[in-house]
Amino acid sequence: MTQVATKQAIIMNNKHVNVALVGCGGVAHVHAFSWLHIAGAKLVAVCDINEKLGKEFQNKYGVEKFYSNYEDLLLDPSIELIDLCTPPKLHKEQIIKAFNSNKHVLVEKPLVMDMTEMEEVLDKFKKSNVKFCVVHNQRFERSIIDAKNKIENNEIGEVVGVDIFWQDTPEGDRFVRDKNNWCHNLPGGRWEEVMPHYIYLARYFVGEMQLENASLSGVLPDYPWMISSEASITLVGLRNPTFVNLRFTQRSNAGKQIIITIYGTDGHLYIERHRHAISEMKAMLYNQKNSALYIVNYNEYKSIFAKTKTKIAQSPFLGTTEQLRQYIDAILFNTPPPVPIDEAYDIMKLAREIGDCLNKKRHKEC
């Protein structure tokens, strides 16, 4: 039977993967929403040590089973896939226990807290007979996929540089507001927590990279636990001398905003994420050297963002949804997962190297 015929047979037989979601905090709602829009998956159980929170979550999404104990959940033979939305400090133990129970695993990033734990998870995975995937959801958003297709179609020539600019305001960033958040225990603090997203996005466009330089600047007086108000990282591609600049700031009046520019020998691609203001850009044209200045003032469009935010949040076509759908296909049809563990390992290793460098800069050790 061909692979296409096999897929058709599975679809005809309504075969699906039974999923249990562990941890019912903020990001779990994104996962639950995604599972509801994937035909090959069925969310059959949720688990949380906070019984009130867990049962509210269970009722909200119409899930059949609730567990307050992770070990009890693992004993359920009907559950095939464990979706971990728990604090990262719990991941290593929970992942290994799932492997030992012969359950597939999906886990939010960061996969684990350090490279020692990562090595242990990798070793246990190699001895298991399950599939594993870490959530790198932004790589599966339509704008990112379309950009990749344009690069592969040679629409901007050879990629010669990537610039990713991330900005937010401390008041709008729950990681910054909470001084007890786990991210502040990382060597690179909040920046190390958010950085893997933009490492894997840049890697998607230029391939493997290595660290060239990292630096910090500025402070947030009202949030002294923050490592800095700004961070700048320069990476360089290993396949060609392509520079990647990652820049982060918490001094934005516009709220969360991510701008990605991919430079090619024949053109460039510009992706503006989250604020969706690109359709509202004002352009000033100049006769001098055929130049143009594009202006976006986010304060003018706050009402537009407020209206579109809810609509976008309700869309079933989130990057998370697409990645989870591809992972379910990998389980059902025995194909490689959308984010293999080796890729997750490389990205975490580079993020930790950058975090260690930022930590040294913080303490003026280099």
Protein backbone atom coordinates (compact mmCIF):
# COMPACT_ATOMS: atom_id res chain seq x y z
CA MET A 1 0.00 0.00 0.00
CA THR A 2 1.40 3.43 -0.94
CA GLN A 3 1.88 6.17 1.67
CA VAL A 4 -1.00 8.16 0.14
CA ALA A 5 -3.26 5.11 0.28
CA THR A 6 -2.18 4.47 3.88
CA LYS A 7 -3.08 8.03 4.84
CA GLN A 8 -6.45 7.71 3.14
CA ALA A 9 -7.12 4.47 5.00
CA ILE A 10 -6.28 6.09 8.33
CA ILE A 11 -8.52 9.05 7.57
CA MET A 12 -11.35 6.75 6.46
CA ASN A 13 -11.04 4.77 9.71
CA ASN A 14 -11.08 8.01 11.70
CA LYS A 15 -7.81 7.08 13.40
CA HIS A 16 -6.48 9.66 15.80
CA VAL A 17 -3.93 10.19 18.55
CA ASN A 18 -5.22 10.54 22.13
CA VAL A 19 -3.58 13.55 23.77
CA ALA A 20 -3.18 14.48 27.44
CA LEU A 21 -2.30 18.09 28.23
CA VAL A 22 -0.25 18.61 31.39
CA GLY A 23 -0.23 22.04 33.03
CA CYS A 24 -3.27 24.29 32.59
CA GLY A 25 -1.62 27.74 32.66
CA GLY A 26 -1.54 30.44 29.97
CA VAL A 27 0.12 28.67 27.04
CA ALA A 28 -2.02 25.55 27.61
CA HIS A 29 -5.04 27.42 26.23
CA VAL A 30 -3.21 27.91 22.92
CA HIS A 31 -2.47 24.19 22.81
CA ALA A 32 -6.02 23.16 23.72
CA PHE A 33 -7.41 25.48 21.05
CA SER A 34 -5.04 23.96 18.51
CA TRP A 35 -5.94 20.36 19.42
CA LEU A 36 -9.60 21.19 18.78
CA HIS A 37 -8.73 22.07 15.16
CA ILE A 38 -6.64 18.99 14.32
CA ALA A 39 -8.65 16.10 12.88
CA GLY A 40 -6.04 13.46 13.72
CA ALA A 41 -5.88 14.35 17.42
CA LYS A 42 -8.26 14.09 20.35
CA LEU A 43 -7.65 15.88 23.63
CA VAL A 44 -8.86 13.25 26.10
CA ALA A 45 -7.26 14.33 29.39
CA VAL A 46 -5.83 17.28 31.27
CA CYS A 47 -3.61 17.26 34.33
CA ASP A 48 -2.73 19.89 36.90
CA ILE A 49 -1.81 19.77 40.59
CA ASN A 50 -4.17 22.72 41.06
CA GLU A 51 -7.46 20.82 40.97
CA LYS A 52 -9.66 23.92 40.75
CA LEU A 53 -7.67 25.35 37.83
CA GLY A 54 -7.48 21.97 36.10
CA LYS A 55 -11.19 21.23 36.33
CA GLU A 56 -12.09 24.71 35.09
CA PHE A 57 -9.81 24.04 32.13
CA GLN A 58 -11.38 20.61 31.62
CA ASN A 59 -14.88 22.08 31.55
CA LYS A 60 -13.92 24.96 29.29
CA TYR A 61 -12.62 22.65 26.55
CA GLY A 62 -14.98 19.72 27.13
CA VAL A 63 -12.21 17.25 28.00
CA GLU A 64 -13.29 13.82 29.23
CA LYS A 65 -10.69 13.09 31.94
CA PHE A 66 -8.92 15.08 34.65
CA TYR A 67 -5.88 14.03 36.65
CA SER A 68 -4.25 15.86 39.55
CA ASN A 69 -1.35 13.39 39.59
CA TYR A 70 1.03 13.03 36.64
CA GLU A 71 1.98 9.45 37.52
CA ASP A 72 -1.68 8.42 37.50
CA LEU A 73 -2.09 9.94 34.06
CA LEU A 74 0.88 7.97 32.73
CA LEU A 75 -0.82 4.74 33.81
CA ASP A 76 -3.76 5.44 31.50
CA PRO A 77 -3.22 3.06 28.51
CA SER A 78 -5.51 5.10 26.24
CA ILE A 79 -3.22 8.14 26.30
CA GLU A 80 -0.64 8.14 23.52
CA LEU A 81 0.82 11.66 23.53
CA ILE A 82 1.82 13.84 26.50
CA ASP A 83 1.72 17.61 25.84
CA LEU A 84 3.81 19.36 28.50
CA CYS A 85 2.86 22.97 29.26
CA THR A 86 4.43 22.87 32.70
CA PRO A 87 7.23 25.03 34.19
CA PRO A 88 10.60 24.16 32.58
CA LYS A 89 12.13 23.03 35.86
CA LEU A 90 9.73 20.05 35.74
CA HIS A 91 10.35 19.10 32.13
CA LYS A 92 13.29 16.75 32.44
CA GLU A 93 11.64 14.45 34.94
CA GLN A 94 8.27 14.56 33.20
CA ILE A 95 9.78 13.86 29.77
CA ILE A 96 11.79 10.87 30.99
CA LYS A 97 8.80 9.42 32.85
CA ALA A 98 6.74 9.74 29.65
CA PHE A 99 9.47 7.96 27.66
CA ASN A 100 9.52 5.18 30.24
CA SER A 101 5.73 4.88 29.88
CA ASN A 102 6.09 4.61 26.09
CA LYS A 103 4.26 7.89 25.45
CA HIS A 104 5.07 10.33 22.69
CA VAL A 105 6.03 13.78 24.00
CA LEU A 106 5.43 17.36 22.94
CA VAL A 107 7.04 20.00 25.15
CA GLU A 108 7.09 23.79 25.25
CA LYS A 109 10.43 25.51 25.04
CA PRO A 110 12.76 25.70 26.80
CA LEU A 111 12.94 21.97 26.59
CA VAL A 112 14.91 21.73 29.88
CA MET A 113 16.81 24.11 32.15
CA ASP A 114 20.42 23.35 31.17
CA MET A 115 22.60 21.27 28.88
CA THR A 116 23.22 18.58 31.49
CA GLU A 117 19.48 17.89 31.58
CA MET A 118 19.40 18.11 27.78
CA GLU A 119 22.07 15.41 27.48
CA GLU A 120 20.10 13.17 29.83
CA VAL A 121 16.87 13.63 27.87
CA LEU A 122 18.68 12.98 24.59
CA ASP A 123 20.20 9.78 25.97
CA LYS A 124 16.84 8.51 27.24
CA PHE A 125 15.15 9.39 23.94
CA LYS A 126 17.66 7.38 21.92
CA LYS A 127 16.77 4.34 24.03
CA SER A 128 13.02 4.84 23.62
CA ASN A 129 10.62 3.91 20.87
CA VAL A 130 8.55 7.11 20.82
CA LYS A 131 8.46 10.38 18.94
CA PHE A 132 9.48 13.67 20.51
CA CYS A 133 8.94 17.28 19.50
CA VAL A 134 9.64 20.69 21.05
CA VAL A 135 7.35 23.63 20.27
CA HIS A 136 9.01 26.03 17.82
CA ASN A 137 5.68 27.44 16.77
CA GLN A 138 6.71 30.70 15.10
CA ARG A 139 8.49 28.80 12.34
CA PHE A 140 5.11 27.44 11.24
CA GLU A 141 3.37 30.77 10.76
CA ARG A 142 2.28 31.59 7.22
CA SER A 143 4.43 34.71 6.84
CA ILE A 144 7.55 32.74 7.81
CA ILE A 145 6.74 29.82 5.50
CA ASP A 146 6.00 32.17 2.62
CA ALA A 147 9.30 33.98 3.19
CA LYS A 148 11.16 30.66 3.13
CA ASN A 149 9.42 29.69 -0.12
CA LYS A 150 10.42 33.00 -1.71
CA ILE A 151 14.02 32.42 -0.70
CA GLU A 152 13.99 28.89 -2.10
CA ASN A 153 12.44 30.24 -5.32
CA ASN A 154 15.40 32.62 -5.58
CA GLU A 155 13.14 35.69 -5.49
CA ILE A 156 15.67 37.76 -3.49
CA GLY A 157 18.83 36.00 -4.64
CA GLU A 158 21.31 34.67 -2.09
CA VAL A 159 20.59 35.57 1.52
CA VAL A 160 23.34 37.86 2.82
CA GLY A 161 21.90 38.97 6.16
CA VAL A 162 19.01 38.69 8.60
CA ASP A 163 17.90 41.28 11.13
CA ILE A 164 15.30 40.51 13.80
CA PHE A 165 14.11 43.28 16.10
CA TRP A 166 11.95 42.44 19.13
CA GLN A 167 10.41 45.11 21.29
CA ASP A 168 7.95 45.27 24.15
CA THR A 169 7.06 47.29 27.20
CA PRO A 170 7.77 45.94 30.72
CA GLU A 171 4.19 46.51 31.80
CA GLY A 172 2.96 44.31 28.97
CA ASP A 173 5.47 41.49 29.49
CA ARG A 174 4.37 39.00 32.16
CA PHE A 175 7.89 37.56 32.33
CA VAL A 176 9.32 40.95 33.25
CA ARG A 177 6.59 41.90 35.72
CA ASP A 178 7.06 38.75 37.79
CA LYS A 179 10.38 38.92 39.63
CA ASN A 180 9.93 35.28 40.67
CA ASN A 181 9.50 34.01 37.13
CA TRP A 182 11.83 31.11 36.32
CA CYS A 183 13.39 32.98 33.38
CA HIS A 184 15.30 35.33 35.70
CA ASN A 185 17.28 32.34 36.96
CA LEU A 186 18.70 31.68 33.50
CA PRO A 187 22.19 33.10 32.83
CA GLY A 188 20.73 35.35 30.12
CA GLY A 189 17.51 36.10 32.01
CA ARG A 190 14.46 37.12 30.02
CA TRP A 191 16.54 37.43 26.86
CA GLU A 192 17.63 33.80 27.03
CA GLU A 193 13.99 32.75 27.50
CA VAL A 194 12.74 34.55 24.39
CA MET A 195 15.83 34.04 22.25
CA PRO A 196 15.30 30.46 21.01
CA HIS A 197 12.34 31.65 18.90
CA TYR A 198 14.56 33.95 16.90
CA ILE A 199 17.48 31.57 16.75
CA TYR A 200 15.30 28.91 15.11
CA LEU A 201 13.70 31.49 12.79
CA ALA A 202 17.10 32.77 11.65
CA ARG A 203 18.36 29.21 11.30
CA TYR A 204 15.35 28.45 9.09
CA PHE A 205 16.59 31.09 6.65
CA VAL A 206 20.38 30.75 6.82
CA GLY A 207 21.14 27.33 8.31
CA GLU A 208 23.41 26.58 11.27
CA MET A 209 25.02 29.55 13.02
CA GLN A 210 27.63 30.35 15.63
CA LEU A 211 27.93 33.21 18.12
CA GLU A 212 30.00 36.20 17.06
CA ASN A 213 29.16 38.70 19.81
CA ALA A 214 26.58 39.53 22.48
CA SER A 215 26.11 42.70 24.50
CA LEU A 216 23.78 44.37 27.00
CA SER A 217 22.71 47.96 27.50
CA GLY A 218 20.41 49.92 29.80
CA VAL A 219 18.48 49.13 32.94
CA LEU A 220 14.84 49.08 34.02
CA PRO A 221 14.79 50.87 37.40
CA ASP A 222 11.33 49.55 38.27
CA TYR A 223 12.37 45.99 37.43
CA PRO A 224 15.85 45.52 38.93
CA TRP A 225 15.68 41.75 38.45
CA MET A 226 15.76 42.25 34.66
CA ILE A 227 19.20 41.57 33.22
CA SER A 228 18.99 44.75 31.09
CA SER A 229 16.59 46.85 29.06
CA GLU A 230 18.37 46.00 25.79
CA ALA A 231 20.35 43.12 24.32
CA SER A 232 22.10 42.69 21.00
CA ILE A 233 23.42 39.43 19.56
CA THR A 234 25.39 38.86 16.37
CA LEU A 235 25.52 35.39 14.85
CA VAL A 236 27.23 34.23 11.69
CA GLY A 237 26.11 31.46 9.34
CA LEU A 238 28.38 28.45 9.00
CA ARG A 239 27.59 27.76 5.33
CA ASN A 240 28.41 31.28 4.16
CA PRO A 241 29.43 34.59 5.80
CA THR A 242 25.84 35.60 6.49
CA PHE A 243 25.43 37.80 9.55
CA VAL A 244 22.32 37.57 11.73
CA ASN A 245 21.51 40.37 14.15
CA LEU A 246 19.06 39.77 17.00
CA ARG A 247 18.07 42.90 18.92
CA PHE A 248 15.78 43.12 21.93
CA THR A 249 14.39 46.09 23.86
CA GLN A 250 11.88 46.65 26.65
CA ARG A 251 11.55 50.39 25.99
CA SER A 252 8.77 50.31 23.41
CA ASN A 253 5.63 52.43 23.63
CA ALA A 254 4.05 50.24 20.96
CA GLY A 255 3.76 47.07 22.98
CA LYS A 256 4.98 43.78 21.56
CA GLN A 257 6.36 44.12 18.05
CA ILE A 258 8.65 41.89 15.99
CA ILE A 259 10.20 43.02 12.73
CA ILE A 260 12.17 40.62 10.57
CA THR A 261 14.19 41.72 7.54
CA ILE A 262 15.90 39.19 5.30
CA TYR A 263 18.44 40.73 2.95
CA GLY A 264 19.30 39.10 -0.36
CA THR A 265 21.62 39.92 -3.24
CA ASP A 266 18.60 40.81 -5.41
CA GLY A 267 16.12 42.16 -2.86
CA HIS A 268 14.86 41.84 0.68
CA LEU A 269 11.87 40.52 2.60
CA TYR A 270 10.21 42.43 5.43
CA ILE A 271 7.96 40.70 7.93
CA GLU A 272 6.11 42.61 10.62
CA ARG A 273 4.53 40.36 13.23
CA HIS A 274 1.86 40.78 15.89
CA ARG A 275 0.96 44.43 15.35
CA HIS A 276 -0.35 43.94 11.80
CA ALA A 277 0.30 47.59 11.01
CA ILE A 278 2.06 46.97 7.72
CA SER A 279 -1.23 47.48 5.85
CA GLU A 280 -1.43 50.93 7.44
CA MET A 281 2.05 52.12 6.48
CA LYS A 282 2.45 55.64 5.20
CA ALA A 283 5.03 56.09 2.46
CA MET A 284 6.89 59.31 1.70
CA LEU A 285 8.57 59.24 -1.69
CA TYR A 286 11.67 61.23 -2.63
CA ASN A 287 13.14 62.05 -6.01
CA GLN A 288 16.64 61.79 -4.63
CA LYS A 289 18.03 58.38 -5.49
CA ASN A 290 14.50 56.97 -5.86
CA SER A 291 14.22 56.65 -2.08
CA ALA A 292 11.18 56.11 0.09
CA LEU A 293 10.49 56.46 3.79
CA TYR A 294 7.88 54.16 5.31
CA ILE A 295 6.28 55.46 8.50
CA VAL A 296 4.24 53.52 11.01
CA ASN A 297 2.94 55.26 14.12
CA TYR A 298 1.40 52.58 16.29
CA ASN A 299 -0.40 55.03 18.55
CA GLU A 300 -2.63 55.99 15.61
CA TYR A 301 -3.70 52.41 15.08
CA LYS A 302 -4.29 51.10 18.61
CA SER A 303 -8.01 50.87 17.96
CA ILE A 304 -7.34 48.84 14.81
CA PHE A 305 -5.06 46.47 16.76
CA ALA A 306 -7.66 46.05 19.48
CA LYS A 307 -10.25 45.02 16.91
CA THR A 308 -7.99 42.60 15.05
CA LYS A 309 -6.36 41.02 18.08
CA THR A 310 -9.43 39.02 19.09
CA LYS A 311 -10.12 37.96 15.54
CA ILE A 312 -6.57 36.73 15.05
CA ALA A 313 -6.52 34.92 18.41
CA GLN A 314 -9.58 32.94 17.34
CA SER A 315 -8.05 31.84 14.05
CA PRO A 316 -7.41 28.07 13.84
CA PHE A 317 -4.36 28.74 11.68
CA LEU A 318 -1.90 29.62 14.41
CA GLY A 319 1.72 28.54 13.99
CA THR A 320 1.20 26.28 17.00
CA THR A 321 -1.76 24.60 15.31
CA GLU A 322 0.23 23.91 12.17
CA GLN A 323 3.19 22.48 14.05
CA LEU A 324 0.98 20.26 16.19
CA ARG A 325 -0.86 19.04 13.08
CA GLN A 326 2.46 18.09 11.46
CA TYR A 327 3.53 16.30 14.64
CA ILE A 328 0.32 14.27 14.70
CA ASP A 329 0.96 13.31 11.07
CA ALA A 330 4.46 12.20 12.06
CA ILE A 331 2.99 9.90 14.72
CA LEU A 332 0.18 8.53 12.55
CA PHE A 333 2.30 7.97 9.45
CA ASN A 334 5.66 7.24 11.13
CA THR A 335 7.51 10.17 9.56
CA PRO A 336 10.07 12.55 11.14
CA PRO A 337 8.62 15.15 13.56
CA PRO A 338 8.52 18.78 12.38
CA VAL A 339 11.18 19.75 14.95
CA PRO A 340 13.56 16.82 15.56
CA ILE A 341 15.35 16.56 18.87
CA ASP A 342 18.76 17.23 17.28
CA GLU A 343 17.53 20.61 16.07
CA ALA A 344 16.11 21.43 19.49
CA TYR A 345 19.44 20.41 21.04
CA ASP A 346 21.46 22.70 18.75
CA ILE A 347 19.19 25.68 19.38
CA MET A 348 19.22 25.23 23.14
CA LYS A 349 23.00 24.87 23.12
CA LEU A 350 23.43 28.12 21.18
CA ALA A 351 20.88 29.93 23.38
CA ARG A 352 22.79 28.84 26.50
CA GLU A 353 26.09 29.97 25.00
CA ILE A 354 24.56 33.38 24.33
CA GLY A 355 23.02 33.45 27.81
CA ASP A 356 26.39 32.70 29.42
CA CYS A 357 27.98 35.48 27.35
CA LEU A 358 25.29 37.97 28.39
CA ASN A 359 25.73 36.96 32.02
CA LYS A 360 29.46 37.69 31.81
CA LYS A 361 28.69 41.07 30.26
CA ARG A 362 26.21 41.73 33.05
CA HIS A 363 28.90 41.14 35.66
CA LYS A 364 31.55 42.86 33.54
CA GLU A 365 33.63 39.71 33.37
CA CYS A 366 34.53 40.25 29.72
